[in-house]
């Protein structure tokens, strides 16, 4: 079969545009690994309207659980026109049979290697339904084509990846299911080379699920990028704060922002979610101070809905985030996703209110997906939303951005301010919205 035109597509949660969309690296990787004689077009449903007239030979969608409903809608649009549909990402990996109801083929796991085979098979009229990626393959031939992002309305942030996988297996997270025990890093020098080609007026964000998978690996990266004098952000486990010399090295290497999963103030909840190690670096306030003393702003995340949670514990988390002057925070109602131990446990306990919430036509974003132990489902949903509204009130934003304990830095402060405004806007835009709407 001919393959002259390929569309790469990232669906949104619904048919609307967002302001928090960041360029999807996975599709830039696919673009770079596609034969040069194929015309590649990329559409991002989060920031632009997908033209009804688009009719390539093949369309490939990266699908997350929250975007599955919209992805299936878009897939039908293309299949009705005779276009071959391919899906990949976390959701098709965990629910391949469901995804294959809406796609001609799926890629399970990482796409490197299997993507090239899929395209070759398509051209030779022998395409299979399922292709398995190399989730244990060393990342030696990492290539990316950022040209597909040109002209898109993204925040001034550039995404970079050092490694894949995480050494922890938290109850609510599906990362370990996706990668198992495989933790892989790129050559640090190749990362430094990539950073050298990115505009200096962009904030670098390492998308690794945990940048701190070992002291050796993180130190190697810091050694490679420190001479570049770039400003960057990352997601990192809280135990990095136990090693203050490593924190010093991060600051020296240009870290200005770190996403840290505090998750809960309750010891019982931390034990249930498999994060008892969260306190190895000391109490949360001292952890925040260690980051702030080095000029590193914090994006703190919290999850609510574990068995020890009440309306009071949610308020306590909000109070901590305010008192500690976290620059950004997310107060997430616990979301059981396929592939996580949490989903399996709640399903076995019969506590799921929306067993297939991602395609349930009655589920609205922010609705309680399961029945909490110590609150009614309605109270749980309302308290989570109340925490978000309070943290992102205009008064709170001004106080935290201008009064940051990390000190004043024009670049970091402007990025923090922008992130707060975007977060506030998206909180109200998404709440109570039907998925796929």
Protein backbone atom coordinates (compact mmCIF):
# COMPACT_ATOMS: atom_id res chain seq x y z
CA UNK A 1 0.00 0.00 0.00
CA UNK A 2 1.19 3.52 -0.63
CA UNK A 3 2.40 5.65 2.27
CA UNK A 4 2.93 9.16 1.01
CA UNK A 5 1.16 11.18 3.69
CA UNK A 6 1.16 10.55 7.43
CA UNK A 7 -0.70 12.53 10.09
CA UNK A 8 0.52 12.45 13.69
CA UNK A 9 -2.17 13.48 16.14
CA UNK A 10 -2.34 14.26 19.85
CA UNK A 11 -5.97 14.32 21.06
CA UNK A 12 -7.22 16.58 23.85
CA UNK A 13 -9.70 15.56 26.57
CA UNK A 14 -12.44 17.04 24.42
CA UNK A 15 -13.13 19.17 21.38
CA UNK A 16 -11.77 22.40 22.83
CA UNK A 17 -8.42 24.16 22.99
CA UNK A 18 -6.23 24.33 26.10
CA UNK A 19 -3.53 26.70 27.29
CA UNK A 20 -1.51 24.11 29.22
CA UNK A 21 -0.55 21.87 26.30
CA UNK A 22 3.16 21.10 25.95
CA UNK A 23 4.70 19.61 22.80
CA UNK A 24 4.40 15.77 22.85
CA UNK A 25 7.87 14.25 22.56
CA UNK A 26 6.50 10.85 21.58
CA UNK A 27 5.18 12.17 18.28
CA UNK A 28 8.40 14.07 17.56
CA UNK A 29 10.21 10.76 18.03
CA UNK A 30 7.86 9.08 15.53
CA UNK A 31 8.40 11.91 13.05
CA UNK A 32 12.17 11.48 13.26
CA UNK A 33 11.88 7.73 12.71
CA UNK A 34 9.60 8.01 9.68
CA UNK A 35 11.14 7.55 6.20
CA UNK A 36 12.11 10.83 4.56
CA UNK A 37 9.94 10.17 1.51
CA UNK A 38 6.79 10.36 3.67
CA UNK A 39 5.12 13.76 4.11
CA UNK A 40 4.49 14.15 7.85
CA UNK A 41 1.84 16.49 9.27
CA UNK A 42 1.28 17.00 12.99
CA UNK A 43 -1.92 18.25 14.60
CA UNK A 44 -2.30 18.94 18.31
CA UNK A 45 -5.93 18.85 19.37
CA UNK A 46 -4.99 20.75 22.53
CA UNK A 47 -3.92 23.89 20.69
CA UNK A 48 -5.55 23.75 17.24
CA UNK A 49 -8.62 22.53 15.41
CA UNK A 50 -8.16 19.26 13.52
CA UNK A 51 -9.25 20.01 9.93
CA UNK A 52 -12.15 17.88 8.71
CA UNK A 53 -10.50 17.79 5.27
CA UNK A 54 -7.39 15.96 6.46
CA UNK A 55 -7.14 12.63 4.61
CA UNK A 56 -3.66 11.07 4.84
CA UNK A 57 -2.77 7.47 4.06
CA UNK A 58 -2.32 6.83 7.78
CA UNK A 59 -3.01 8.65 11.04
CA UNK A 60 -1.17 7.81 14.27
CA UNK A 61 -2.56 8.93 17.65
CA UNK A 62 -0.86 8.90 21.05
CA UNK A 63 -3.54 8.05 23.61
CA UNK A 64 -3.70 8.71 27.35
CA UNK A 65 -6.57 7.47 29.51
CA UNK A 66 -8.05 10.96 29.91
CA UNK A 67 -7.94 11.49 26.13
CA UNK A 68 -9.17 8.02 25.10
CA UNK A 69 -12.79 9.06 24.47
CA UNK A 70 -11.76 11.95 22.23
CA UNK A 71 -9.14 9.76 20.51
CA UNK A 72 -11.78 7.20 19.62
CA UNK A 73 -14.01 9.94 18.21
CA UNK A 74 -11.20 11.25 16.01
CA UNK A 75 -10.27 7.72 14.96
CA UNK A 76 -13.82 7.13 13.71
CA UNK A 77 -13.68 10.33 11.71
CA UNK A 78 -10.58 9.10 9.89
CA UNK A 79 -11.70 5.50 9.48
CA UNK A 80 -14.98 6.66 7.94
CA UNK A 81 -12.82 8.24 5.22
CA UNK A 82 -10.86 5.02 4.67
CA UNK A 83 -7.74 6.18 6.51
CA UNK A 84 -5.69 3.57 8.36
CA UNK A 85 -5.62 4.36 12.10
CA UNK A 86 -2.73 3.47 14.42
CA UNK A 87 -2.70 4.10 18.18
CA UNK A 88 0.04 3.99 20.80
CA UNK A 89 0.77 5.24 24.28
CA UNK A 90 -0.13 4.20 27.81
CA UNK A 91 -3.82 3.54 27.28
CA UNK A 92 -3.54 1.17 24.29
CA UNK A 93 -0.68 -0.58 26.08
CA UNK A 94 -2.84 -1.34 29.11
CA UNK A 95 -6.12 -1.93 27.23
CA UNK A 96 -5.09 -3.26 23.82
CA UNK A 97 -8.36 -5.06 23.10
CA UNK A 98 -10.35 -1.89 23.72
CA UNK A 99 -8.03 0.21 21.56
CA UNK A 100 -8.20 -2.29 18.70
CA UNK A 101 -11.94 -1.69 18.49
CA UNK A 102 -11.07 1.80 17.25
CA UNK A 103 -7.75 1.28 15.45
CA UNK A 104 -6.36 -0.90 12.68
CA UNK A 105 -3.14 -1.41 14.61
CA UNK A 106 -1.64 -0.50 17.98
CA UNK A 107 1.87 -0.14 19.33
CA UNK A 108 2.31 -1.55 22.83
CA UNK A 109 5.12 0.01 24.86
CA UNK A 110 7.87 2.23 23.43
CA UNK A 111 7.65 2.77 19.70
CA UNK A 112 11.32 2.63 18.71
CA UNK A 113 11.87 -0.29 16.39
CA UNK A 114 8.26 -1.37 16.21
CA UNK A 115 7.24 1.89 14.49
CA UNK A 116 9.64 1.33 11.63
CA UNK A 117 8.44 -2.27 11.28
CA UNK A 118 4.80 -1.15 11.24
CA UNK A 119 5.42 1.33 8.44
CA UNK A 120 7.32 -1.24 6.41
CA UNK A 121 4.58 -3.80 6.90
CA UNK A 122 1.94 -1.26 5.86
CA UNK A 123 3.78 -0.55 2.63
CA UNK A 124 4.02 -4.28 1.93
CA UNK A 125 0.34 -4.87 2.72
CA UNK A 126 1.07 -7.12 5.70
CA UNK A 127 0.40 -4.84 8.66
CA UNK A 128 -0.32 -6.69 11.91
CA UNK A 129 -2.77 -5.57 14.59
CA UNK A 130 -0.29 -5.36 17.43
CA UNK A 131 3.36 -4.28 17.59
CA UNK A 132 5.42 -4.52 20.76
CA UNK A 133 8.02 -1.87 21.48
CA UNK A 134 11.39 -2.34 23.11
CA UNK A 135 10.80 -1.26 26.70
CA UNK A 136 14.07 -2.84 27.79
CA UNK A 137 16.16 -1.68 24.85
CA UNK A 138 19.00 0.76 25.69
CA UNK A 139 18.30 4.31 24.52
CA UNK A 140 21.22 4.57 22.11
CA UNK A 141 19.59 5.89 18.96
CA UNK A 142 17.39 8.62 20.43
CA UNK A 143 16.27 10.97 17.66
CA UNK A 144 13.67 13.71 17.67
CA UNK A 145 12.20 16.07 15.08
CA UNK A 146 11.10 19.28 16.80
CA UNK A 147 10.23 20.90 13.48
CA UNK A 148 6.72 19.45 13.74
CA UNK A 149 6.04 21.84 16.66
CA UNK A 150 6.85 24.97 14.68
CA UNK A 151 4.04 27.53 14.73
CA UNK A 152 2.06 25.81 17.50
CA UNK A 153 0.88 27.93 20.42
CA UNK A 154 2.75 26.32 23.31
CA UNK A 155 4.03 27.93 26.53
CA UNK A 156 7.76 28.83 26.36
CA UNK A 157 8.86 25.41 27.60
CA UNK A 158 10.92 22.82 25.72
CA UNK A 159 10.69 19.15 26.69
CA UNK A 160 13.75 16.91 26.93
CA UNK A 161 14.11 13.30 28.05
CA UNK A 162 17.09 11.79 29.85
CA UNK A 163 15.67 8.45 30.95
CA UNK A 164 12.63 6.20 31.19
CA UNK A 165 11.21 4.25 34.08
CA UNK A 166 11.13 4.79 37.83
CA UNK A 167 12.70 2.88 40.72
CA UNK A 168 9.54 3.21 42.79
CA UNK A 169 6.22 1.39 42.39
CA UNK A 170 3.58 3.69 43.87
CA UNK A 171 0.07 2.31 44.25
CA UNK A 172 -1.60 4.96 42.09
CA UNK A 173 0.99 5.04 39.31
CA UNK A 174 1.13 2.90 36.17
CA UNK A 175 4.74 3.73 35.24
CA UNK A 176 6.11 0.52 36.80
CA UNK A 177 3.50 -1.54 34.92
CA UNK A 178 4.58 0.09 31.65
CA UNK A 179 8.35 -0.23 32.12
CA UNK A 180 8.53 -2.98 34.78
CA UNK A 181 11.97 -2.86 36.44
CA UNK A 182 13.67 -1.39 33.37
CA UNK A 183 15.28 1.99 34.02
CA UNK A 184 17.23 3.38 31.11
CA UNK A 185 19.13 6.60 30.56
CA UNK A 186 20.54 8.24 27.48
CA UNK A 187 24.18 9.17 27.15
CA UNK A 188 24.45 12.44 29.14
CA UNK A 189 26.60 14.01 26.43
CA UNK A 190 23.85 13.46 23.85
CA UNK A 191 21.43 15.27 26.17
CA UNK A 192 23.88 18.17 26.49
CA UNK A 193 24.19 18.30 22.71
CA UNK A 194 20.41 18.43 22.38
CA UNK A 195 20.16 21.27 24.92
CA UNK A 196 22.77 23.25 22.99
CA UNK A 197 20.40 23.39 20.03
CA UNK A 198 17.42 24.73 21.98
CA UNK A 199 16.73 28.47 22.23
CA UNK A 200 18.02 29.98 25.48
CA UNK A 201 14.77 31.86 26.10
CA UNK A 202 12.96 28.56 26.67
CA UNK A 203 12.68 26.74 30.00
CA UNK A 204 13.91 23.18 29.68
CA UNK A 205 11.67 20.56 31.28
CA UNK A 206 13.01 17.04 31.80
CA UNK A 207 9.98 14.82 31.31
CA UNK A 208 11.51 11.82 33.10
CA UNK A 209 9.02 10.39 35.58
CA UNK A 210 11.82 10.65 38.14
CA UNK A 211 15.09 12.35 37.24
CA UNK A 212 16.69 10.84 40.37
CA UNK A 213 16.94 7.14 39.64
CA UNK A 214 20.49 6.92 41.01
CA UNK A 215 23.13 9.29 42.33
CA UNK A 216 25.51 8.11 39.62
CA UNK A 217 23.11 8.73 36.73
CA UNK A 218 21.93 12.11 37.99
CA UNK A 219 25.49 13.28 38.70
CA UNK A 220 26.56 12.26 35.19
CA UNK A 221 23.76 14.36 33.71
CA UNK A 222 24.58 17.35 35.92
CA UNK A 223 28.27 17.14 34.97
CA UNK A 224 27.33 17.19 31.29
CA UNK A 225 24.88 20.10 31.35
CA UNK A 226 26.41 22.44 33.97
CA UNK A 227 28.79 24.12 31.47
CA UNK A 228 25.81 25.03 29.28
CA UNK A 229 24.42 27.38 31.93
CA UNK A 230 20.82 26.53 31.01
CA UNK A 231 17.76 26.90 33.23
CA UNK A 232 15.73 23.77 33.60
CA UNK A 233 12.99 22.01 35.56
CA UNK A 234 12.20 18.39 36.31
CA UNK A 235 10.09 15.83 38.12
CA UNK A 236 12.07 14.35 40.98
CA UNK A 237 11.45 12.13 44.01
CA UNK A 238 11.51 13.84 47.38
CA UNK A 239 14.37 11.67 48.68
CA UNK A 240 16.84 13.72 46.63
CA UNK A 241 16.61 16.31 49.43
CA UNK A 242 18.37 13.87 51.74
CA UNK A 243 21.59 14.56 49.83
CA UNK A 244 22.20 18.29 50.18
CA UNK A 245 25.39 18.14 48.11
CA UNK A 246 23.33 16.71 45.27
CA UNK A 247 20.83 19.54 45.68
CA UNK A 248 23.75 21.98 45.47
CA UNK A 249 24.86 20.33 42.24
CA UNK A 250 21.35 20.59 40.81
CA UNK A 251 21.23 24.31 41.57
CA UNK A 252 24.70 24.85 40.10
CA UNK A 253 23.62 23.00 36.96
CA UNK A 254 20.69 25.39 36.46
CA UNK A 255 17.69 23.75 38.12
CA UNK A 256 15.13 26.45 38.90
CA UNK A 257 11.99 24.36 39.24
CA UNK A 258 11.22 20.90 40.61
CA UNK A 259 7.99 18.94 40.67
CA UNK A 260 7.90 17.02 43.96
CA UNK A 261 5.26 14.48 44.93
CA UNK A 262 4.36 15.17 48.56
CA UNK A 263 1.09 13.32 47.94
CA UNK A 264 -0.16 13.23 51.55
CA UNK A 265 0.57 14.46 55.06
CA UNK A 266 -0.88 11.26 56.51
CA UNK A 267 1.49 8.44 57.45
CA UNK A 268 -1.35 5.95 56.96
CA UNK A 269 -2.00 7.21 53.44
CA UNK A 270 1.69 7.17 52.53
CA UNK A 271 1.90 3.58 53.69
CA UNK A 272 -1.15 2.61 51.64
CA UNK A 273 0.16 4.27 48.48
CA UNK A 274 3.59 2.67 48.91
CA UNK A 275 5.42 5.92 49.67
CA UNK A 276 6.58 5.53 53.25
CA UNK A 277 10.02 6.54 52.00
CA UNK A 278 8.60 10.03 51.36
CA UNK A 279 9.79 11.11 54.82
CA UNK A 280 13.43 9.95 54.52
CA UNK A 281 14.58 13.50 53.73
CA UNK A 282 12.89 14.96 56.83
CA UNK A 283 9.60 16.72 57.40
CA UNK A 284 7.99 18.33 54.39
CA UNK A 285 8.62 21.91 55.48
CA UNK A 286 12.35 21.30 55.85
CA UNK A 287 12.38 19.70 52.39
CA UNK A 288 10.74 22.79 50.90
CA UNK A 289 13.25 25.02 52.66
CA UNK A 290 16.18 23.02 51.25
CA UNK A 291 14.94 23.59 47.72
CA UNK A 292 14.07 27.25 48.30
CA UNK A 293 17.42 28.01 49.90
CA UNK A 294 19.03 27.01 46.60
CA UNK A 295 16.70 29.10 44.46
CA UNK A 296 14.66 26.12 43.28
CA UNK A 297 10.91 26.72 43.10
CA UNK A 298 8.56 23.82 43.83
CA UNK A 299 5.54 22.36 42.09
CA UNK A 300 4.04 20.20 44.84
CA UNK A 301 1.54 17.47 44.06
CA UNK A 302 -1.02 15.99 46.46
CA UNK A 303 -3.50 13.17 45.95
CA UNK A 304 -6.69 12.81 47.97
CA UNK A 305 -8.95 9.82 48.43
CA UNK A 306 -6.89 7.26 50.28
CA UNK A 307 -8.56 5.56 53.21
CA UNK A 308 -7.32 7.95 55.91
CA UNK A 309 -8.42 11.06 54.01
CA UNK A 310 -11.17 13.31 55.35
CA UNK A 311 -12.27 16.85 54.65
CA UNK A 312 -9.80 17.87 57.39
CA UNK A 313 -6.78 16.18 55.78
CA UNK A 314 -7.53 17.93 52.48
CA UNK A 315 -7.64 21.28 54.30
CA UNK A 316 -4.39 20.45 56.10
CA UNK A 317 -2.65 19.80 52.79
CA UNK A 318 -3.93 23.09 51.41
CA UNK A 319 -2.75 24.92 54.54
CA UNK A 320 0.70 23.34 54.22
CA UNK A 321 0.99 24.32 50.55
CA UNK A 322 0.03 27.90 51.42
CA UNK A 323 2.25 28.17 54.52
CA UNK A 324 5.24 26.66 52.71
CA UNK A 325 4.62 29.04 49.80
CA UNK A 326 4.79 26.35 47.18
CA UNK A 327 5.06 28.15 43.88
CA UNK A 328 2.64 25.75 42.18
CA UNK A 329 0.58 22.86 43.52
CA UNK A 330 -1.87 20.31 42.23
CA UNK A 331 -4.58 18.84 44.44
CA UNK A 332 -5.63 15.71 42.61
CA UNK A 333 -8.63 13.57 43.42
CA UNK A 334 -7.27 10.04 43.33
CA UNK A 335 -7.75 8.72 39.81
CA UNK A 336 -7.61 4.94 39.34
CA UNK A 337 -6.19 4.33 35.86
CA UNK A 338 -5.84 0.99 34.08
CA UNK A 339 -2.44 -0.53 34.72
CA UNK A 340 -2.16 0.72 38.30
CA UNK A 341 -2.37 -1.38 41.46
CA UNK A 342 -4.89 1.16 42.72
CA UNK A 343 -7.33 0.45 39.89
CA UNK A 344 -7.11 -3.29 40.39
CA UNK A 345 -7.58 -3.00 44.16
CA UNK A 346 -10.60 -0.68 43.99
CA UNK A 347 -12.14 -2.87 41.29
CA UNK A 348 -11.73 -5.99 43.45
CA UNK A 349 -13.25 -4.14 46.42
CA UNK A 350 -16.26 -3.13 44.33
CA UNK A 351 -15.67 0.58 45.02
CA UNK A 352 -15.52 1.90 41.46
CA UNK A 353 -18.43 4.19 40.66
CA UNK A 354 -17.35 4.50 37.01
CA UNK A 355 -15.44 1.29 36.14
CA UNK A 356 -14.67 2.56 32.62
CA UNK A 357 -14.80 6.26 33.37
CA UNK A 358 -12.65 7.24 30.37
CA UNK A 359 -15.44 6.28 27.94
CA UNK A 360 -18.46 6.62 30.25
CA UNK A 361 -20.77 9.20 28.68
CA UNK A 362 -22.07 10.24 32.11
CA UNK A 363 -18.66 10.86 33.69
CA UNK A 364 -17.55 14.49 34.06
CA UNK A 365 -14.00 15.58 34.79
CA UNK A 366 -13.66 15.99 38.55
CA UNK A 367 -16.45 13.53 39.41
CA UNK A 368 -15.50 10.96 42.07
CA UNK A 369 -14.55 7.74 40.30
CA UNK A 370 -14.72 5.61 43.43
CA UNK A 371 -16.30 5.63 46.89
CA UNK A 372 -13.93 7.03 49.57
CA UNK A 373 -13.90 5.52 53.07
CA UNK A 374 -14.31 8.63 55.23
CA UNK A 375 -16.28 11.02 53.00
CA UNK A 376 -19.26 10.89 50.74
CA UNK A 377 -18.37 10.87 47.06
CA UNK A 378 -19.91 14.30 46.59
CA UNK A 379 -18.05 15.82 49.54
CA UNK A 380 -14.80 14.32 48.26
CA UNK A 381 -15.22 15.88 44.82
CA UNK A 382 -16.21 19.28 46.20
CA UNK A 383 -13.35 19.46 48.72
CA UNK A 384 -10.75 18.65 46.07
CA UNK A 385 -12.10 21.39 43.81
CA UNK A 386 -12.31 23.82 46.72
CA UNK A 387 -8.61 23.26 47.44
CA UNK A 388 -7.72 24.05 43.85
CA UNK A 389 -9.84 27.20 43.82
CA UNK A 390 -8.34 28.45 47.08
CA UNK A 391 -4.74 27.85 46.04
CA UNK A 392 -5.28 29.53 42.69
CA UNK A 393 -7.27 32.52 43.90
CA UNK A 394 -5.78 35.75 42.58
CA UNK A 395 -4.78 36.77 46.10
CA UNK A 396 -2.93 33.50 46.64
CA UNK A 397 -1.19 33.70 43.26
CA UNK A 398 0.11 37.22 43.88
CA UNK A 399 1.27 36.32 47.40
CA UNK A 400 3.12 33.17 46.35
CA UNK A 401 4.65 34.45 43.12
CA UNK A 402 5.91 37.78 44.45
CA UNK A 403 6.70 36.44 47.93
CA UNK A 404 8.49 33.26 46.91
CA UNK A 405 10.95 31.96 49.47
CA UNK A 406 13.18 30.89 46.58
CA UNK A 407 14.05 34.55 46.08
CA UNK A 408 13.41 36.82 43.13
CA UNK A 409 14.73 35.86 39.73
CA UNK A 410 13.15 37.55 36.71
CA UNK A 411 13.18 34.44 34.51
CA UNK A 412 11.95 31.99 37.17
CA UNK A 413 9.40 34.42 38.60
CA UNK A 414 7.91 35.09 35.17
CA UNK A 415 7.65 31.35 34.48
CA UNK A 416 6.01 30.72 37.87
CA UNK A 417 3.56 33.55 37.28
CA UNK A 418 2.64 32.22 33.84
CA UNK A 419 2.21 28.68 35.20
CA UNK A 420 -0.14 29.92 37.93
CA UNK A 421 -2.32 31.89 35.51
CA UNK A 422 -2.52 28.91 33.13
CA UNK A 423 -3.31 26.51 35.98
CA UNK A 424 -6.11 28.75 37.28
CA UNK A 425 -7.64 29.00 33.82
CA UNK A 426 -7.51 25.26 33.14
CA UNK A 427 -8.94 24.32 36.56
CA UNK A 428 -12.16 26.14 35.76
CA UNK A 429 -12.18 25.10 32.10
CA UNK A 430 -11.95 21.35 32.80
CA UNK A 431 -14.09 20.92 35.90
CA UNK A 432 -17.43 19.17 35.23
CA UNK A 433 -16.65 18.79 31.53
CA UNK A 434 -17.71 15.59 29.77
CA UNK A 435 -14.73 13.74 28.33
CA UNK A 436 -14.77 13.95 24.56
CA UNK A 437 -17.07 17.00 24.62
